[in-house]
Amino acid sequence: MSKLYLVPTPIGNLEDITLRAIRILKEADLILAEDTRTSSFLLKHYEISGKLQSHHKFNEHKTAEMIANRIMAGETVALISDAGTPGISDPGFLLVRTCLQHEIEVECLPGATAFVPALVNSGFPCDRFCFEGFLPQKKGRQKRLLELANETRTIIFYESPFRLVKALEQIKEFFGENRRVSVSRELSKLFEETVRGTAAEVIDHFTAHPPKGEIVIVVEGLQKPDKNSRDKREDNRFDEADDD
């Protein structure tokens, strides 16, 4: 049955792709790629050729309807991004919505996405978290950080290596210099690195060692005072008063 497949691709190591994903890409009539130059390297590695078309944030509004028509005409289409799962801070949402409006079946395969290993590596709670992706570069950035300062769940951001130190400085400003953070870069690649510490400590590290590669910032949620500890402090205070 013709449908739209969303196929995750490796975030670095080319082996991080499922056997099913390779099969779907080989069987698809059309593969939509965010950057055909990047994706052609992966497809060539797995001997897949001849059906690659560009689909990115600058043309998706024009092409979504056309692609939906091709699927309704009987073609099977696979959407991939440069790395990771389509739609997660990458093009994909608009095409999925268009297909669903036409009652076209959509299926997303499980697979790689950068924030999951970064979250697990951080050592912060993983049971509840807040994924923010890329913060606004200008308008609304400070307002969003101010809103997130009181978030108790673990918070995840994507960031450019060129803006990493600035982003950490803003986290320090809005969340406090002692808020713990974990920064992962080059995940699954040769020079993979995770740096953990307070915001101030991690700023010092990346100021001395300018980063390269894709960046994931994981921030510890706001730690509320433990009720038992607070009650114990109150009891101790009353005991001291009685001694006086």
Protein backbone atom coordinates (compact mmCIF):
# COMPACT_ATOMS: atom_id res chain seq x y z
CA MET A 1 0.00 0.00 0.00
CA SER A 2 1.33 3.43 -0.92
CA LYS A 3 2.11 5.62 2.09
CA LEU A 4 4.52 8.15 3.52
CA TYR A 5 7.36 6.71 5.60
CA LEU A 6 9.43 8.86 7.95
CA VAL A 7 12.80 7.15 8.12
CA PRO A 8 15.38 8.07 10.79
CA THR A 9 18.98 8.21 9.59
CA PRO A 10 22.25 7.99 11.56
CA ILE A 11 23.31 11.07 13.54
CA GLY A 12 26.95 10.21 12.89
CA ASN A 13 27.96 6.57 12.70
CA LEU A 14 26.56 5.08 9.47
CA GLU A 15 25.94 1.76 11.22
CA ASP A 16 23.21 3.34 13.37
CA ILE A 17 20.38 2.56 10.97
CA THR A 18 17.90 -0.29 11.17
CA LEU A 19 17.63 -3.11 8.64
CA ARG A 20 14.00 -2.14 8.13
CA ALA A 21 14.95 1.46 7.35
CA ILE A 22 17.39 0.27 4.66
CA ARG A 23 14.70 -1.97 3.15
CA ILE A 24 12.12 0.84 3.07
CA LEU A 25 14.61 3.21 1.39
CA LYS A 26 15.39 0.57 -1.24
CA GLU A 27 11.71 -0.14 -1.92
CA ALA A 28 10.48 3.48 -1.95
CA ASP A 29 9.58 5.08 -5.28
CA LEU A 30 10.84 8.45 -4.04
CA ILE A 31 13.16 9.56 -1.24
CA LEU A 32 12.83 13.11 0.04
CA ALA A 33 15.98 14.54 1.60
CA GLU A 34 16.70 17.75 3.49
CA ASP A 35 20.09 18.06 1.75
CA THR A 36 20.61 15.72 -1.19
CA ARG A 37 24.40 16.10 -0.96
CA THR A 38 24.46 14.86 2.62
CA SER A 39 21.91 12.09 2.08
CA SER A 40 23.51 10.82 -1.14
CA PHE A 41 26.57 9.82 0.88
CA LEU A 42 24.43 7.61 3.13
CA LEU A 43 22.41 6.16 0.25
CA LYS A 44 25.54 5.39 -1.74
CA HIS A 45 26.97 3.57 1.27
CA TYR A 46 23.93 1.26 1.23
CA GLU A 47 23.80 1.03 -2.59
CA ILE A 48 20.56 2.99 -2.98
CA SER A 49 20.33 5.31 -5.98
CA GLY A 50 18.16 7.03 -8.57
CA LYS A 51 15.21 8.35 -6.53
CA LEU A 52 16.39 11.29 -4.43
CA GLN A 53 14.59 14.65 -4.36
CA SER A 54 15.17 17.78 -2.29
CA HIS A 55 12.62 18.60 0.44
CA HIS A 56 13.57 21.28 2.95
CA LYS A 57 12.10 24.18 4.91
CA PHE A 58 12.45 26.56 1.96
CA ASN A 59 10.41 24.50 -0.51
CA GLU A 60 8.16 22.26 1.62
CA HIS A 61 5.17 24.60 1.38
CA LYS A 62 5.29 24.29 -2.42
CA THR A 63 6.03 20.57 -2.66
CA ALA A 64 3.87 19.04 0.11
CA GLU A 65 0.68 18.98 -1.97
CA MET A 66 2.49 17.61 -5.02
CA ILE A 67 4.05 14.80 -2.96
CA ALA A 68 0.67 13.93 -1.44
CA ASN A 69 -0.75 13.64 -4.96
CA ARG A 70 2.03 11.27 -5.98
CA ILE A 71 1.32 9.04 -2.98
CA MET A 72 -2.41 9.02 -3.79
CA ALA A 73 -1.46 8.01 -7.32
CA GLY A 74 0.17 4.88 -5.93
CA GLU A 75 3.76 5.79 -5.06
CA THR A 76 5.52 5.04 -1.79
CA VAL A 77 7.53 7.97 -0.46
CA ALA A 78 10.23 8.00 2.24
CA LEU A 79 11.23 11.20 4.02
CA ILE A 80 14.68 11.50 5.60
CA SER A 81 16.58 14.39 7.18
CA ASP A 82 20.30 15.09 7.25
CA ALA A 83 20.56 13.16 10.53
CA GLY A 84 18.11 11.71 13.03
CA THR A 85 14.33 11.53 12.86
CA PRO A 86 12.45 13.77 10.39
CA GLY A 87 10.24 16.34 12.09
CA ILE A 88 12.43 16.66 15.21
CA SER A 89 13.86 20.16 14.63
CA ASP A 90 13.89 19.23 10.92
CA PRO A 91 11.35 19.45 8.07
CA GLY A 92 8.54 16.92 8.18
CA PHE A 93 5.56 18.29 10.10
CA LEU A 94 4.01 20.12 7.15
CA LEU A 95 4.22 17.09 4.85
CA VAL A 96 2.79 14.77 7.52
CA ARG A 97 -0.11 17.15 8.14
CA THR A 98 -0.82 17.47 4.40
CA CYS A 99 -0.85 13.69 3.98
CA LEU A 100 -3.15 13.18 6.96
CA GLN A 101 -5.54 15.80 5.55
CA HIS A 102 -5.74 13.64 2.41
CA GLU A 103 -6.20 10.50 4.55
CA ILE A 104 -2.85 9.13 3.40
CA GLU A 105 -1.29 6.58 5.72
CA VAL A 106 1.82 7.87 7.51
CA GLU A 107 4.29 5.66 9.34
CA CYS A 108 7.33 6.78 11.33
CA LEU A 109 10.02 4.16 11.85
CA PRO A 110 11.87 4.06 15.19
CA GLY A 111 15.49 5.08 15.08
CA ALA A 112 18.20 7.58 15.82
CA THR A 113 17.63 11.01 17.33
CA ALA A 114 20.33 13.06 19.02
CA PHE A 115 18.59 14.13 22.21
CA VAL A 116 17.95 10.61 23.57
CA PRO A 117 21.59 9.53 24.10
CA ALA A 118 22.45 13.03 25.33
CA LEU A 119 19.62 12.86 27.87
CA VAL A 120 20.56 9.40 29.12
CA ASN A 121 24.28 10.34 29.28
CA SER A 122 23.53 13.45 31.33
CA GLY A 123 22.77 11.64 34.56
CA PHE A 124 19.68 13.79 35.08
CA PRO A 125 16.18 12.27 35.48
CA CYS A 126 14.92 10.79 32.21
CA ASP A 127 11.40 9.84 33.27
CA ARG A 128 10.05 13.35 32.65
CA PHE A 129 11.74 15.90 30.41
CA CYS A 130 11.05 18.98 28.31
CA PHE A 131 12.40 19.07 24.74
CA GLU A 132 12.86 22.64 23.50
CA GLY A 133 14.92 22.07 20.35
CA PHE A 134 16.52 25.29 19.12
CA LEU A 135 15.70 28.41 21.12
CA PRO A 136 14.62 31.50 19.15
CA GLN A 137 17.80 33.21 17.97
CA LYS A 138 16.56 36.73 18.72
CA LYS A 139 12.94 37.66 19.38
CA GLY A 140 11.44 35.75 22.28
CA ARG A 141 14.67 34.05 23.37
CA GLN A 142 15.02 35.74 26.76
CA LYS A 143 11.30 35.42 27.47
CA ARG A 144 11.46 31.67 26.82
CA LEU A 145 14.49 31.23 29.07
CA LEU A 146 12.76 33.17 31.81
CA GLU A 147 9.72 30.88 31.53
CA LEU A 148 11.91 27.77 31.66
CA ALA A 149 13.87 28.91 34.71
CA ASN A 150 11.21 27.38 36.99
CA GLU A 151 10.77 24.17 34.96
CA THR A 152 11.28 21.17 37.26
CA ARG A 153 11.70 18.62 34.46
CA THR A 154 15.02 18.00 32.73
CA ILE A 155 15.30 20.43 29.78
CA ILE A 156 16.89 19.68 26.40
CA PHE A 157 18.15 22.20 23.85
CA TYR A 158 19.86 21.93 20.47
CA GLU A 159 22.51 24.53 19.74
CA SER A 160 25.14 25.53 17.20
CA PRO A 161 28.79 25.18 18.29
CA PHE A 162 29.26 28.85 17.42
CA ARG A 163 26.53 29.93 19.88
CA LEU A 164 27.18 27.35 22.60
CA VAL A 165 29.09 29.55 25.05
CA LYS A 166 26.59 32.38 24.63
CA ALA A 167 23.71 29.97 25.25
CA LEU A 168 25.41 28.63 28.39
CA GLU A 169 26.00 32.17 29.62
CA GLN A 170 22.28 32.87 29.21
CA ILE A 171 21.42 29.65 31.07
CA LYS A 172 23.74 30.80 33.85
CA GLU A 173 22.06 34.22 33.88
CA PHE A 174 18.46 32.97 33.95
CA PHE A 175 18.84 29.62 35.76
CA GLY A 176 21.74 30.43 38.10
CA GLU A 177 25.46 29.67 37.88
CA ASN A 178 25.10 26.52 40.00
CA ARG A 179 22.42 24.90 37.82
CA ARG A 180 23.92 21.68 36.51
CA VAL A 181 24.19 21.10 32.78
CA SER A 182 25.47 18.39 30.47
CA VAL A 183 26.69 19.20 26.97
CA SER A 184 27.09 16.41 24.42
CA ARG A 185 28.67 16.90 21.02
CA GLU A 186 29.61 14.72 18.05
CA LEU A 187 27.38 11.92 19.34
CA SER A 188 28.23 8.50 17.86
CA LYS A 189 31.25 9.99 16.07
CA LEU A 190 34.99 9.54 16.63
CA PHE A 191 35.39 12.60 18.86
CA GLU A 192 32.18 12.20 20.88
CA GLU A 193 32.33 14.16 24.13
CA THR A 194 30.02 14.88 27.07
CA VAL A 195 30.95 17.63 29.54
CA ARG A 196 29.04 17.81 32.83
CA GLY A 197 29.10 20.34 35.66
CA THR A 198 27.57 23.59 36.80
CA ALA A 199 26.75 26.16 34.14
CA ALA A 200 29.80 28.17 35.23
CA GLU A 201 32.13 25.15 35.03
CA VAL A 202 30.93 24.08 31.58
CA ILE A 203 31.30 27.66 30.30
CA ASP A 204 34.93 27.64 31.46
CA HIS A 205 35.55 24.35 29.65
CA PHE A 206 34.15 25.40 26.29
CA THR A 207 35.71 28.86 26.52
CA ALA A 208 39.09 27.14 26.81
CA HIS A 209 38.19 24.43 24.27
CA PRO A 210 35.99 25.88 21.46
CA PRO A 211 33.55 23.15 20.39
CA LYS A 212 32.89 21.64 16.99
CA GLY A 213 30.04 19.48 15.72
CA GLU A 214 26.38 19.11 16.61
CA ILE A 215 25.51 20.17 20.17
CA VAL A 216 22.87 18.97 22.65
CA ILE A 217 22.51 20.85 25.95
CA VAL A 218 20.75 19.06 28.80
CA VAL A 219 19.83 21.19 31.83
CA GLU A 220 18.85 19.91 35.24
CA GLY A 221 15.33 20.91 36.23
CA LEU A 222 14.77 23.30 39.12
CA GLN A 223 15.27 21.40 42.34
CA LYS A 224 12.53 22.21 44.85
CA PRO A 225 13.38 21.88 48.56
CA ASP A 226 12.69 18.39 49.87
CA LYS A 227 9.74 18.46 52.30
CA ASN A 228 11.34 16.03 54.75
CA SER A 229 14.56 18.05 54.81
CA ARG A 230 12.59 21.25 55.34
CA ASP A 231 10.61 19.70 58.21
CA LYS A 232 13.84 18.44 59.78
CA ARG A 233 15.38 21.92 59.61
CA GLU A 234 12.26 23.32 61.29
CA ASP A 235 12.49 20.70 64.09
CA ASN A 236 16.17 21.50 64.65
CA ARG A 237 15.38 25.18 64.87
CA PHE A 238 12.73 24.56 67.56
CA ASP A 239 15.10 22.27 69.49
CA GLU A 240 17.73 25.01 69.50
CA ALA A 241 15.14 27.48 70.78
CA ASP A 242 14.20 25.14 73.63
CA ASP A 243 17.89 24.83 74.63
CA ASP A 244 18.11 28.60 74.88
